[in-house]
Amino acid sequence: MFDALLAADGALRAWFTTHHTAWLDVLMLALSSVGQAGTVWIILGAVAALEQPRRAGRLWQLILAIALAYVLVDLVLKPAFARSRPFEALLHVRVVGSWRPVTYSFPSGHACSAFAGAWVLSLMWQRVAALVWALAALIAFSRIYIGVHYPLDVLAGALLGLGVGALVTGGRAWYIDRSSLRISAPQGP
């Protein structure tokens, strides 16, 4: 069964990476670049906190989520699974752009930080939540499209990111209580 799953994963990757257009190559490479190291999420979180200073506590949750995503994926899981990237395992794989990651493939760090960041940002900045989730999905998909991940890498990274976001927030966003200068979770349901 596991072999069948990996075969389907490889076939799906092959389908996505053989259907390219020039404009989509540029877009997907740009999305992959802005997702690097969770930078886009921290920038968006800073903008949200500047827009409403009470959100500053949530910015710390966001930074914590991105840091935890990095530690879990790059320092623990990638070395443990040691899955080769598609372009290393298969010589004919086309990679969009010249950069080839040197870390292992499983799970996707971009997907993990994207979904962890989207989780926290959707609590932090609710009026743009739909856009935040769409950006997370596009960044995650871009990793398959440009040829540096398999779909299972991205799916596992996204699920892990959701878990990280939920863990860090407990389902709630932190607020800065200026009257007592402390960070607290909202009261009530």
Protein backbone atom coordinates (compact mmCIF):
# COMPACT_ATOMS: atom_id res chain seq x y z
CA MET A 1 0.00 0.00 0.00
CA PHE A 2 2.80 2.42 0.86
CA ASP A 3 4.44 1.71 -2.51
CA ALA A 4 1.15 2.48 -4.27
CA LEU A 5 0.87 5.76 -2.35
CA LEU A 6 4.40 6.77 -3.34
CA ALA A 7 3.70 5.80 -6.96
CA ALA A 8 0.56 7.96 -6.99
CA ASP A 9 2.55 10.77 -5.36
CA GLY A 10 5.18 10.54 -8.09
CA ALA A 11 2.57 10.43 -10.86
CA LEU A 12 0.76 13.47 -9.50
CA ARG A 13 4.04 15.36 -9.21
CA ALA A 14 4.87 14.43 -12.80
CA TRP A 15 1.51 15.70 -14.04
CA PHE A 16 1.87 19.04 -12.26
CA THR A 17 5.45 19.57 -13.37
CA THR A 18 4.75 18.83 -17.04
CA HIS A 19 1.95 21.39 -17.42
CA HIS A 20 3.82 24.69 -17.47
CA THR A 21 3.31 28.09 -19.03
CA ALA A 22 5.80 30.95 -18.95
CA TRP A 23 3.57 33.35 -16.97
CA LEU A 24 2.71 30.65 -14.42
CA ASP A 25 6.41 29.78 -14.05
CA VAL A 26 7.08 33.39 -13.06
CA LEU A 27 4.13 33.52 -10.67
CA MET A 28 4.93 30.20 -8.96
CA LEU A 29 8.61 31.06 -8.60
CA ALA A 30 7.65 34.41 -7.05
CA LEU A 31 5.22 32.72 -4.64
CA SER A 32 7.85 30.19 -3.65
CA SER A 33 10.35 32.99 -3.07
CA VAL A 34 8.04 35.06 -0.84
CA GLY A 35 7.31 31.95 1.22
CA GLN A 36 10.98 31.47 2.05
CA ALA A 37 11.63 31.30 5.83
CA GLY A 38 8.10 32.48 6.62
CA THR A 39 9.10 36.05 5.83
CA VAL A 40 5.84 37.00 4.10
CA TRP A 41 3.86 35.92 7.18
CA ILE A 42 5.95 37.98 9.56
CA ILE A 43 5.69 41.01 7.26
CA LEU A 44 1.90 40.62 7.03
CA GLY A 45 1.73 40.17 10.81
CA ALA A 46 3.75 43.34 11.32
CA VAL A 47 1.40 45.24 9.00
CA ALA A 48 -1.60 43.92 10.95
CA ALA A 49 0.02 44.93 14.26
CA LEU A 50 0.83 48.40 12.92
CA GLU A 51 -2.75 48.78 11.74
CA GLN A 52 -4.03 47.91 15.20
CA PRO A 53 -1.40 47.91 18.02
CA ARG A 54 -3.53 45.59 20.14
CA ARG A 55 -2.51 42.84 17.70
CA ALA A 56 1.14 42.99 18.81
CA GLY A 57 0.66 39.96 21.07
CA ARG A 58 -0.56 38.02 18.09
CA LEU A 59 2.58 38.98 16.19
CA TRP A 60 4.58 37.12 18.85
CA GLN A 61 2.37 34.07 18.31
CA LEU A 62 3.08 34.31 14.61
CA ILE A 63 6.84 34.50 15.12
CA LEU A 64 6.67 31.58 17.53
CA ALA A 65 4.64 29.51 15.04
CA ILE A 66 7.11 30.18 12.20
CA ALA A 67 10.08 29.34 14.45
CA LEU A 68 8.45 26.13 15.68
CA ALA A 69 7.59 25.14 12.10
CA TYR A 70 11.24 25.59 11.12
CA VAL A 71 12.57 23.56 14.05
CA LEU A 72 10.12 20.68 13.53
CA VAL A 73 10.56 20.46 9.78
CA ASP A 74 14.17 21.35 9.09
CA LEU A 75 15.87 20.13 12.25
CA VAL A 76 13.74 17.11 13.18
CA LEU A 77 11.54 15.64 10.42
CA LYS A 78 13.54 16.20 7.23
CA PRO A 79 16.67 14.52 8.63
CA ALA A 80 14.54 11.71 10.12
CA PHE A 81 12.76 10.88 6.83
CA ALA A 82 15.64 11.83 4.49
CA ARG A 83 13.45 11.78 1.36
CA SER A 84 15.32 12.90 -1.75
CA ARG A 85 13.93 15.82 -3.68
CA PRO A 86 12.29 15.03 -7.04
CA PHE A 87 15.16 16.53 -9.04
CA GLU A 88 17.66 14.35 -7.14
CA ALA A 89 15.65 11.13 -7.45
CA LEU A 90 14.70 11.61 -11.11
CA LEU A 91 17.15 13.19 -13.52
CA HIS A 92 14.51 14.44 -15.99
CA VAL A 93 12.62 16.60 -13.46
CA ARG A 94 12.42 20.21 -14.57
CA VAL A 95 13.05 22.78 -11.83
CA VAL A 96 11.73 26.29 -12.43
CA GLY A 97 14.48 28.76 -11.55
CA SER A 98 18.10 28.08 -10.80
CA TRP A 99 17.88 27.51 -7.06
CA ARG A 100 17.81 23.92 -5.85
CA PRO A 101 17.30 23.36 -2.12
CA VAL A 102 19.95 21.26 -0.41
CA THR A 103 17.71 19.95 2.38
CA TYR A 104 15.56 16.84 2.18
CA SER A 105 12.09 16.89 0.67
CA PHE A 106 9.69 15.55 3.34
CA PRO A 107 7.84 17.46 4.72
CA SER A 108 7.71 20.82 2.97
CA GLY A 109 8.96 23.66 5.17
CA HIS A 110 7.30 26.25 2.94
CA ALA A 111 3.92 24.52 3.33
CA CYS A 112 4.37 24.13 7.08
CA SER A 113 5.26 27.77 7.69
CA ALA A 114 2.57 28.92 5.23
CA PHE A 115 -0.23 27.07 7.02
CA ALA A 116 1.09 27.87 10.51
CA GLY A 117 1.32 31.52 9.46
CA ALA A 118 -2.14 31.47 7.88
CA TRP A 119 -3.62 29.96 11.03
CA VAL A 120 -2.26 32.72 13.26
CA LEU A 121 -2.90 35.51 10.76
CA SER A 122 -6.49 34.41 10.23
CA LEU A 123 -7.06 34.87 13.97
CA MET A 124 -5.07 38.07 14.00
CA TRP A 125 -6.55 39.79 10.95
CA GLN A 126 -9.93 38.22 10.39
CA ARG A 127 -11.10 40.49 7.59
CA VAL A 128 -8.33 39.19 5.28
CA ALA A 129 -8.50 35.55 6.42
CA ALA A 130 -9.71 34.23 3.05
CA LEU A 131 -6.82 35.94 1.25
CA VAL A 132 -4.34 34.63 3.82
CA TRP A 133 -5.54 31.02 3.35
CA ALA A 134 -5.43 31.41 -0.44
CA LEU A 135 -1.86 32.71 -0.23
CA ALA A 136 -0.86 29.77 1.98
CA ALA A 137 -2.34 27.28 -0.48
CA LEU A 138 -0.65 28.96 -3.46
CA ILE A 139 2.75 29.06 -1.74
CA ALA A 140 2.43 25.39 -0.82
CA PHE A 141 1.36 24.40 -4.35
CA SER A 142 4.19 26.44 -5.87
CA ARG A 143 6.69 24.01 -4.33
CA ILE A 144 5.24 21.13 -6.36
CA TYR A 145 4.90 23.22 -9.51
CA ILE A 146 8.51 24.44 -9.52
CA GLY A 147 9.73 20.84 -9.10
CA VAL A 148 11.26 20.80 -5.61
CA HIS A 149 8.60 18.79 -3.72
CA TYR A 150 6.19 15.91 -4.12
CA PRO A 151 2.48 16.44 -3.30
CA LEU A 152 2.76 14.32 -0.13
CA ASP A 153 5.59 16.56 1.10
CA VAL A 154 3.33 19.57 0.72
CA LEU A 155 0.28 17.87 2.23
CA ALA A 156 2.27 16.71 5.26
CA GLY A 157 3.82 20.17 5.65
CA ALA A 158 0.41 21.85 5.45
CA LEU A 159 -1.12 19.50 8.04
CA LEU A 160 1.86 19.97 10.33
CA GLY A 161 1.54 23.75 9.90
CA LEU A 162 -2.11 23.62 10.91
CA GLY A 163 -1.09 21.66 13.99
CA VAL A 164 1.64 24.15 14.84
CA GLY A 165 -0.76 27.07 14.43
CA ALA A 166 -3.36 25.41 16.65
CA LEU A 167 -0.75 24.49 19.25
CA VAL A 168 0.76 27.95 19.44
CA THR A 169 -2.56 29.75 19.63
CA GLY A 170 -4.66 27.19 21.44
CA GLY A 171 -7.28 28.34 18.95
CA ARG A 172 -7.10 31.87 20.32
CA ALA A 173 -5.05 34.94 19.56
CA TRP A 174 -3.10 36.78 22.23
CA TYR A 175 -3.94 40.42 22.93
CA ILE A 176 -1.92 43.19 24.47
CA ASP A 177 -3.73 44.56 27.52
CA ARG A 178 -2.27 48.07 27.72
CA SER A 179 -3.84 48.79 31.11
CA SER A 180 -1.77 46.10 32.83
CA LEU A 181 0.95 45.65 30.19
CA ARG A 182 0.41 41.91 29.92
CA ILE A 183 -0.44 39.44 27.21
CA SER A 184 -3.73 37.62 27.64
CA ALA A 185 -6.14 35.47 25.72
CA PRO A 186 -9.66 36.78 25.11
CA GLN A 187 -12.33 35.82 27.63
CA GLY A 188 -15.48 33.96 26.80
CA PRO A 189 -16.35 31.44 24.07
